Protein backbone atom coordinates (compact mmCIF):
# COMPACT_ATOMS: atom_id res chain seq x y z
CA MET A 1 -8.96 -2.53 12.94
CA LYS A 2 -9.83 -2.15 16.61
CA LEU A 3 -13.45 -2.05 17.73
CA LEU A 4 -13.00 1.42 19.24
CA THR A 5 -11.59 2.78 15.97
CA LYS A 6 -14.29 1.06 13.93
CA THR A 7 -17.15 2.49 16.02
CA GLY A 8 -15.48 5.92 15.97
CA LEU A 9 -15.21 5.92 12.17
CA ASN A 10 -18.82 4.79 11.83
CA PHE A 11 -19.94 7.58 14.17
CA ILE A 12 -17.91 10.23 12.32
CA SER A 13 -19.13 9.04 8.89
CA ALA A 14 -22.77 9.08 9.98
CA SER A 15 -22.34 12.47 11.69
CA ILE A 16 -20.77 14.08 8.60
CA PHE A 17 -23.54 12.74 6.37
CA PHE A 18 -26.42 13.91 8.56
CA PHE A 19 -24.64 17.18 9.35
CA PHE A 20 -24.27 17.91 5.63
CA ILE A 21 -27.93 17.09 4.92
CA GLY A 22 -29.08 19.10 7.95
CA SER A 23 -26.91 22.13 7.16
CA LEU A 24 -28.02 22.16 3.53
CA GLY A 25 -31.67 21.87 4.55
CA GLY A 26 -31.24 24.58 7.22
CA TYR A 27 -29.61 26.96 4.75
CA TYR A 28 -32.38 26.59 2.18
CA PHE A 29 -35.04 26.90 4.87
CA ILE A 30 -33.54 30.18 6.13
CA ARG A 31 -33.12 31.45 2.58
CA TYR A 32 -36.75 30.54 1.83
CA ALA A 33 -37.95 32.35 4.96
CA VAL A 34 -35.90 35.45 4.16
CA ASN A 35 -37.12 35.53 0.54
CA LYS A 36 -40.70 35.17 1.74
CA MET A 37 -40.17 38.07 4.13
CA PHE A 38 -38.79 40.24 1.29
CA ASN A 39 -41.65 39.24 -0.97
CA ASN A 40 -44.17 40.42 1.62
CA GLU A 41 -42.30 43.68 2.08
CA LEU A 42 -42.16 44.23 -1.68
CA LEU A 43 -45.89 43.57 -1.94
CA GLU A 44 -46.50 46.00 0.91
CA THR A 45 -44.38 48.57 -0.94
CA GLN A 46 -46.42 47.99 -4.08
CA ARG A 47 -49.69 48.60 -2.19
CA HIS A 48 -48.21 51.71 -0.61
CA ILE A 49 -47.29 53.04 -4.05
CA GLU A 50 -50.78 52.47 -5.38
CA GLN A 51 -52.32 54.14 -2.34
CA PHE A 52 -49.91 57.09 -2.15
CA GLU A 53 -48.77 57.41 -5.74
CA GLY A 54 -45.79 59.69 -6.16
CA GLU A 55 -44.65 59.43 -2.54
CA ALA A 56 -41.04 58.41 -2.23
CA ILE A 57 -40.10 55.16 -0.51
CA SER A 58 -36.91 55.39 1.58
CA TYR A 59 -36.14 51.70 1.86
CA ALA A 60 -36.76 50.57 -1.74
CA ASP A 61 -36.12 51.71 -5.32
CA VAL A 62 -39.17 51.97 -7.54
CA GLU A 63 -39.48 52.31 -11.27
CA ILE A 64 -42.83 52.84 -12.97
CA ASP A 65 -43.07 52.26 -16.72
CA THR A 66 -45.99 52.35 -19.13
CA LEU A 67 -45.89 49.57 -21.69
CA LYS A 68 -47.89 49.19 -24.87
CA LEU A 69 -48.95 45.79 -23.77
CA ALA A 70 -52.46 44.47 -23.41
CA ILE A 71 -52.94 42.16 -20.43
CA ASP A 72 -56.09 40.80 -18.85
CA GLU A 73 -54.98 40.42 -15.23
CA VAL A 74 -52.39 41.54 -12.72
CA ASN A 75 -49.09 39.63 -12.89
CA TYR A 76 -46.46 39.31 -10.16
CA ALA A 77 -42.88 38.03 -10.59
CA PHE A 78 -40.28 37.78 -7.82
CA THR A 79 -36.62 37.35 -8.77
CA ASP A 80 -33.14 37.81 -7.37
CA THR A 81 -30.92 40.23 -9.22
CA MET A 82 -27.44 41.67 -8.98
CA ILE A 83 -26.71 45.37 -9.66
CA HIS A 84 -23.36 47.06 -10.09
CA ASN A 85 -22.69 49.80 -7.54
CA THR A 86 -20.77 52.57 -9.27
CA THR A 87 -19.69 54.08 -5.97
CA SER A 88 -17.99 51.00 -4.53
CA SER A 89 -17.43 49.25 -7.89
CA ASN A 90 -18.98 46.12 -6.40
CA TYR A 91 -21.99 44.05 -7.26
CA GLU A 92 -24.81 43.98 -4.74
CA PHE A 93 -27.68 41.52 -4.41
CA TYR A 94 -31.29 42.70 -4.57
CA ARG A 95 -34.75 41.16 -4.37
CA LYS A 96 -36.96 42.37 -7.23
CA LEU A 97 -40.73 42.48 -7.72
CA SER A 98 -41.99 43.00 -11.27
CA TYR A 99 -45.69 43.96 -11.11
CA TYR A 100 -47.83 44.40 -14.24
CA LYS A 101 -51.18 46.21 -13.93
CA PRO A 102 -53.58 46.53 -16.91
CA GLU A 103 -54.86 50.04 -17.76
CA GLY A 104 -56.91 50.18 -20.91
CA ASN A 105 -54.86 49.07 -23.87
CA LYS A 106 -51.67 49.60 -21.93
CA ALA A 107 -49.94 48.05 -18.95
CA ILE A 108 -48.18 49.77 -16.10
CA ARG A 109 -45.08 47.95 -14.88
CA TYR A 110 -43.89 48.53 -11.37
CA THR A 111 -40.32 47.41 -10.73
CA ILE A 112 -39.48 47.45 -7.03
CA ILE A 113 -36.07 46.37 -5.77
CA ARG A 114 -34.69 46.17 -2.28
CA SER A 115 -31.17 45.41 -1.11
CA THR A 116 -30.71 42.04 0.57
CA ALA A 117 -27.38 42.99 2.18
CA PRO A 118 -28.72 43.03 5.78
CA SER A 119 -30.48 39.71 5.30
CA ASP A 120 -27.43 38.19 3.61
CA LEU A 121 -25.41 39.04 6.70
CA MET A 122 -28.09 37.43 8.85
CA VAL A 123 -28.15 34.31 6.64
CA MET A 124 -24.38 34.11 6.83
CA LYS A 125 -24.50 34.30 10.62
CA PHE A 126 -27.19 31.65 10.81
CA THR A 127 -25.26 29.43 8.40
CA LEU A 128 -22.11 29.88 10.47
CA MET A 129 -24.11 29.04 13.57
CA LEU A 130 -25.53 25.95 11.85
CA THR A 131 -21.98 24.89 10.98
CA VAL A 132 -19.97 25.68 14.12
CA PHE A 133 -22.40 24.57 16.83
CA PRO A 134 -23.18 21.15 15.31
CA ILE A 135 -19.46 20.54 14.77
CA LEU A 136 -18.74 21.37 18.41
CA PHE A 137 -21.70 19.25 19.48
CA PHE A 138 -20.61 16.23 17.41
CA LEU A 139 -17.00 16.63 18.57
CA ILE A 140 -18.01 16.68 22.24
CA LEU A 141 -20.41 13.79 21.67
CA TYR A 142 -17.68 11.80 19.89
CA LEU A 143 -15.15 12.36 22.68
CA VAL A 144 -17.66 11.45 25.36
CA ASN A 145 -18.78 8.38 23.42
CA ARG A 146 -15.17 7.30 22.81
CA ALA A 147 -14.24 7.69 26.47
CA SER A 148 -17.37 5.80 27.55
CA THR A 149 -16.75 2.99 25.04
CA LYS A 150 -13.07 2.77 25.99
CA TYR A 151 -13.98 2.49 29.65
CA SER A 152 -16.56 -0.17 28.90
CA LEU A 153 -14.09 -2.13 26.75
CA SER A 154 -11.37 -2.03 29.41
CA VAL A 155 -12.84 -5.24 30.82
CA PHE A 156 -12.75 -6.81 27.36
CA TYR A 157 -9.09 -5.89 26.80
CA ASP A 158 -8.17 -7.06 30.30
CA THR A 159 -9.79 -10.43 29.51
CA ILE A 160 -7.85 -10.71 26.23
CA ASN A 161 -4.51 -9.95 27.94
CA LYS A 162 -5.15 -12.54 30.64
CA LEU A 163 -6.16 -15.13 28.05
CA LYS A 164 -2.91 -14.45 26.18
CA ASP A 165 -0.95 -15.19 29.37
CA PHE A 166 -3.04 -18.27 30.14
CA ASP A 167 -0.91 -21.35 30.79
CA VAL A 168 -2.51 -24.68 31.56
CA ASN A 169 0.55 -25.65 33.63
CA LYS A 170 0.00 -22.77 36.05
CA ASP A 171 -2.21 -23.36 39.05
CA ASN A 172 -3.58 -19.83 39.24
CA ARG A 173 -7.08 -18.82 38.07
CA LEU A 174 -7.84 -16.30 35.34
CA ASP A 175 -9.18 -13.77 37.90
CA LEU A 176 -11.04 -11.68 35.30
CA MET A 177 -12.10 -8.09 35.95
CA THR A 178 -15.72 -7.57 36.94
CA SER A 179 -17.99 -5.34 34.86
CA ASP A 180 -21.38 -3.68 35.15
CA ILE A 181 -22.19 -4.85 31.60
CA ASP A 182 -24.19 -8.07 31.61
CA GLU A 183 -22.70 -9.39 28.36
CA PHE A 184 -19.12 -9.04 29.67
CA GLU A 185 -20.08 -10.72 32.93
CA GLN A 186 -21.57 -13.64 30.98
CA LEU A 187 -18.39 -13.84 28.91
CA ASN A 188 -16.28 -13.90 32.08
CA ASP A 189 -18.42 -16.70 33.51
CA VAL A 190 -17.90 -18.75 30.35
CA PHE A 191 -14.11 -18.20 30.41
CA ASN A 192 -13.87 -19.08 34.12
CA ALA A 193 -15.82 -22.29 33.54
CA MET A 194 -13.64 -23.07 30.52
CA ASP A 195 -10.47 -22.43 32.54
CA LYS A 196 -11.58 -24.86 35.24
CA LYS A 197 -12.63 -27.53 32.73
CA ILE A 198 -9.42 -27.29 30.66
CA LYS A 199 -7.19 -27.63 33.73
CA GLU A 200 -9.16 -30.56 35.10
CA ASP A 201 -9.03 -32.38 31.75
CA TYR A 202 -5.36 -31.54 31.34
CA ILE A 203 -4.47 -32.93 34.78
CA ARG A 204 -6.42 -36.13 34.12
CA LEU A 205 -4.82 -36.57 30.69
CA LYS A 206 -1.36 -35.85 32.10
CA GLU A 207 -1.80 -38.41 34.85
CA TYR A 208 -3.19 -40.98 32.42
CA THR A 209 -0.34 -40.50 29.94
CA GLY A 210 2.31 -40.66 32.64
CA ASN A 211 0.83 -43.71 34.32
CA THR A 212 0.28 -45.57 31.05
CA SER A 213 3.79 -44.88 29.76
CA HIS A 214 5.35 -45.84 33.10
CA GLU A 215 3.33 -49.03 33.41
CA LEU A 216 4.24 -50.10 29.87
CA GLN A 217 7.96 -49.98 30.58
CA THR A 218 7.89 -52.83 33.14
CA PRO A 219 6.07 -55.46 31.03
CA LEU A 220 8.17 -54.51 28.00
CA ALA A 221 11.35 -55.03 30.00
CA ILE A 222 10.07 -58.41 31.27
CA ILE A 223 9.15 -59.49 27.72
CA ASN A 224 12.59 -58.53 26.43
CA THR A 225 14.29 -60.40 29.26
CA LYS A 226 12.26 -63.57 28.70
CA LEU A 227 12.84 -63.42 24.96
CA ASP A 228 16.60 -63.05 25.49
CA GLU A 229 16.57 -66.08 27.77
CA LEU A 230 14.45 -68.03 25.31
CA ILE A 231 16.65 -67.31 22.28
CA GLN A 232 19.67 -68.67 24.18
CA SER A 233 18.03 -72.11 24.55
CA ASP A 234 19.80 -74.97 22.80
CA ASN A 235 16.78 -76.87 21.48
CA LEU A 236 15.33 -74.17 19.21
CA THR A 237 14.86 -74.60 15.52
CA GLU A 238 16.02 -71.98 13.01
CA GLU A 239 12.42 -70.97 12.38
CA GLN A 240 11.78 -70.45 16.11
CA ILE A 241 14.96 -68.37 16.43
CA LYS A 242 13.80 -66.11 13.57
CA THR A 243 10.38 -65.71 15.18
CA ILE A 244 11.91 -64.80 18.55
CA ALA A 245 14.26 -62.33 16.84
CA VAL A 246 11.28 -60.62 15.20
CA LEU A 247 9.53 -60.43 18.59
CA ILE A 248 12.62 -58.93 20.21
CA GLU A 249 12.88 -56.31 17.45
CA THR A 250 9.16 -55.51 17.79
CA THR A 251 9.34 -55.06 21.57
CA ASN A 252 12.44 -52.89 21.19
CA ARG A 253 10.58 -50.69 18.71
CA LEU A 254 7.60 -50.54 21.05
CA SER A 255 9.87 -49.53 23.93
CA LYS A 256 11.52 -46.80 21.84
CA THR A 257 8.11 -45.55 20.70
CA ASN A 258 6.93 -45.44 24.30
CA GLN A 259 10.02 -43.49 25.37
CA ALA A 260 9.55 -41.06 22.46
CA LEU A 261 5.91 -40.50 23.42
CA ILE A 262 6.95 -39.89 27.03
CA PHE A 263 9.44 -37.32 25.78
CA LEU A 264 6.76 -35.63 23.66
CA ALA A 265 4.45 -35.54 26.68
CA LYS A 266 7.20 -33.85 28.67
CA LEU A 267 7.60 -31.30 25.87
CA ASP A 268 3.86 -30.61 25.86
CA ASN A 269 3.94 -30.22 29.65
CA ARG A 270 6.88 -27.80 29.40
CA VAL A 271 8.95 -29.88 31.82
CA PHE A 272 12.21 -28.59 30.31
CA ALA A 273 12.24 -25.07 31.72
CA ASP A 274 15.88 -24.44 32.72
CA ALA A 275 17.55 -22.30 30.05
CA VAL A 276 21.26 -21.59 29.63
CA ASN A 277 23.40 -20.13 26.86
CA VAL A 278 24.07 -23.04 24.48
CA ASP A 279 27.06 -23.01 22.07
CA PHE A 280 25.68 -24.78 18.98
CA ASN A 281 29.07 -24.91 17.23
CA LYS A 282 30.44 -27.02 20.06
CA LEU A 283 27.21 -29.00 20.43
CA ILE A 284 27.22 -30.03 16.75
CA ASN A 285 30.82 -31.27 16.99
CA ILE A 286 29.92 -33.32 20.08
CA GLN A 287 26.95 -34.93 18.34
CA LEU A 288 29.03 -35.71 15.24
CA GLU A 289 31.60 -37.49 17.43
CA ASN A 290 28.83 -39.48 19.16
CA LEU A 291 27.32 -40.52 15.81
CA GLU A 292 30.66 -41.23 14.12
CA PRO A 293 30.15 -45.06 14.15
CA LEU A 294 26.86 -44.69 12.29
CA ILE A 295 28.41 -42.21 9.84
CA ASP A 296 31.35 -44.54 9.13
CA GLU A 297 29.05 -47.52 8.71
CA ALA A 298 27.01 -45.65 6.07
CA LYS A 299 30.26 -44.36 4.43
CA LEU A 300 29.03 -40.78 4.54
CA LYS A 301 31.11 -37.66 3.95
CA VAL A 302 30.48 -34.89 6.49
CA GLU A 303 31.26 -31.26 5.73
CA VAL A 304 30.94 -28.56 8.40
CA GLN A 305 31.12 -24.87 7.43
CA ALA A 306 31.07 -22.55 10.45
CA ASN A 307 30.76 -18.94 9.27
CA ALA A 308 30.05 -17.58 12.76
CA GLU A 309 29.41 -18.66 16.33
CA LEU A 310 25.78 -19.36 17.16
CA HIS A 311 24.50 -19.11 20.73
CA LYS A 312 20.93 -19.63 21.92
CA LYS A 313 19.48 -19.51 25.41
CA MET A 314 17.52 -22.74 25.88
CA ASN A 315 17.47 -26.04 27.75
CA VAL A 316 20.67 -28.02 27.10
CA SER A 317 18.88 -31.37 26.92
CA LEU A 318 16.45 -30.00 24.30
CA ALA A 319 19.33 -28.53 22.28
CA HIS A 320 21.14 -31.89 22.21
CA THR A 321 17.93 -33.73 21.28
CA LEU A 322 17.20 -31.21 18.50
CA ILE A 323 20.59 -31.57 16.79
CA GLN A 324 20.84 -35.30 17.46
CA ASN A 325 17.47 -36.06 15.86
CA LEU A 326 18.27 -33.94 12.79
CA LEU A 327 21.65 -35.64 12.33
CA LYS A 328 20.16 -39.12 12.88
CA ASN A 329 17.50 -38.27 10.31
CA ALA A 330 20.22 -37.18 7.86
CA ILE A 331 22.12 -40.45 8.44
CA ARG A 332 19.09 -42.78 8.39
CA HIS A 333 17.58 -41.33 5.22
CA ASN A 334 20.86 -41.08 3.30
CA ILE A 335 22.39 -43.28 0.61
CA ASP A 336 25.67 -45.22 0.51
CA ASN A 337 28.68 -42.96 -0.06
CA GLY A 338 26.41 -39.95 0.36
CA PHE A 339 27.06 -36.68 2.13
CA ILE A 340 25.92 -34.53 5.06
CA ARG A 341 26.58 -30.79 4.88
CA ILE A 342 26.23 -28.51 7.90
CA MET A 343 26.42 -24.72 7.62
CA ILE A 344 26.40 -22.51 10.73
CA ASP A 345 25.74 -18.77 10.61
CA ALA A 346 25.09 -16.23 13.37
CA GLN A 347 21.35 -16.98 13.41
CA LYS A 348 20.95 -20.02 11.18
CA ILE A 349 21.85 -23.70 10.95
CA GLN A 350 21.40 -25.59 7.69
CA ILE A 351 21.67 -29.38 7.63
CA SER A 352 21.44 -31.00 4.20
CA ASN A 353 21.97 -34.58 3.11
CA SER A 354 21.83 -36.71 0.01
CA GLY A 355 19.03 -39.23 -0.29
CA LEU A 356 16.24 -40.65 -2.35
CA GLN A 357 13.45 -38.35 -3.51
CA VAL A 358 10.31 -38.42 -1.38
CA ASN A 359 6.77 -37.39 -2.28
CA HIS A 360 5.87 -35.95 1.13
CA GLU A 361 4.55 -32.40 1.20
CA PRO A 362 7.00 -30.15 3.12
CA GLU A 363 4.43 -29.15 5.75
CA LYS A 364 3.70 -32.83 6.49
CA MET A 365 7.33 -33.81 7.10
CA PHE A 366 7.06 -32.87 10.77
CA GLY A 367 3.84 -34.78 11.40
CA ARG A 368 3.79 -37.43 14.10
CA PHE A 369 4.23 -40.99 12.75
CA GLN A 370 5.03 -39.63 9.29
CA LYS A 371 7.31 -42.37 7.92
CA ASN A 372 9.50 -42.64 4.86
CA SER A 373 8.49 -45.59 2.71
CA GLN A 374 12.20 -46.36 2.00
CA HIS A 375 12.86 -46.70 5.75
CA PRO A 376 9.97 -48.59 7.35
CA GLN A 377 12.03 -49.25 10.48
CA SER A 378 11.83 -45.55 11.37
CA LEU A 379 9.44 -44.66 14.21
CA GLY A 380 8.25 -41.51 12.46
CA ILE A 381 8.48 -39.43 15.65
CA GLY A 382 11.96 -37.87 15.41
CA LEU A 383 11.00 -34.91 13.24
CA SER A 384 7.83 -34.39 15.27
CA ILE A 385 10.02 -34.03 18.37
CA VAL A 386 12.26 -31.60 16.43
CA LYS A 387 9.25 -29.48 15.44
CA ARG A 388 7.90 -29.44 19.00
CA ILE A 389 11.27 -28.35 20.42
CA CYS A 390 11.47 -25.56 17.82
CA ASP A 391 7.97 -24.35 18.74
CA ILE A 392 8.80 -24.31 22.46
CA CYS A 393 12.17 -22.56 22.00
CA ASP A 394 10.99 -20.01 19.40
CA ILE A 395 13.04 -21.48 16.54
CA SER A 396 11.73 -21.48 12.98
CA ILE A 397 12.32 -24.72 11.04
CA SER A 398 11.68 -25.40 7.36
CA TYR A 399 12.29 -28.23 4.90
CA GLU A 400 12.92 -28.24 1.17
CA GLN A 401 13.99 -30.81 -1.39
CA LYS A 402 16.25 -29.99 -4.33
CA GLY A 403 16.60 -33.03 -6.52
CA ASN A 404 18.21 -35.71 -4.34
CA GLU A 405 19.23 -33.22 -1.65
CA HIS A 406 17.13 -32.76 1.50
CA ILE A 407 17.63 -29.45 3.34
CA PHE A 408 16.53 -28.46 6.87
CA ASN A 409 16.90 -24.81 7.92
CA LEU A 410 16.82 -23.65 11.55
CA LEU A 411 16.35 -19.89 12.05
CA PHE A 412 17.09 -18.57 15.55
């Protein structure tokens, strides 16, 4: 829920509650005042009757009864009553005073009633006024408050939109909108400082990674060359040859790891920006031809089912690396006389292969340096590169294991 909507609902809820309490209190206050006014008028009528007994009263109906009732003091009772009007066949509301006055062993009861129709109309008008005017007032106040809050939050929303478009590779500043609200200005200062710090750290890290990876290549190449020359010597023992072979294999693995890390750094830096329309049906066939020696060596059976043509606009180099790493993974982690199945749909590629069961959790399969215990020679970076390419190119990838079958799904 947006902040503007939340504050608006809170304002409306509070307004309705207090409006209801206020209107109810106002109605009863007016009704109390009107009843008190009628009570005074009825008492005045009663005094007038006692002073001018027998004189008619034009604005009130009076009944005088003599009761065989012994009372010690004067009693007053005010009530509301409803009387049927035979002329209009309607019921009308009246205010009634029942007044008992002792007279010897008897009591005289004065019953005075007066129509409340004029006052009821006045109460209705006041109640309507108490309802309409506060509603209009709260409505105007809500609209003004909403417009004011929306204007104040325009800076906040502008900041959010610019943070969404923030790219550490771009050289431009955030250039946030200024505001007359101190809290937003402080927030902008924090984001501007953060923007500067992130870009400075990113540039330093990028330079360090690039320089380190580049500098490692030269000594690794020298070591490999010297080891190749050394292993060709005639006076080496079998044990020395084995040791040198292990060193050569280790330096080769180190070189491949370094190249993979350089590639990952390029992915993180978004170096691969050129996008074209890639035909994945054709690309998969090319990669299968390139990997045919490895497939034949492992005696694997490859099945390709193309249900539709799949095209995706992305960098060609990344597309080749994506499919190549998935196919190499399917070959490397397969079994003798196993299979590789590839299914291509309009928006999906599924690559499945036979293999030994693994105990890795699916979400950890794409972690960097996540190795399979059955294949310790693996660098553990291939699937991490696959996941990074999918994230960059807006491709969803998932893994599942069904028995001895490993399945990777790419959703475009």
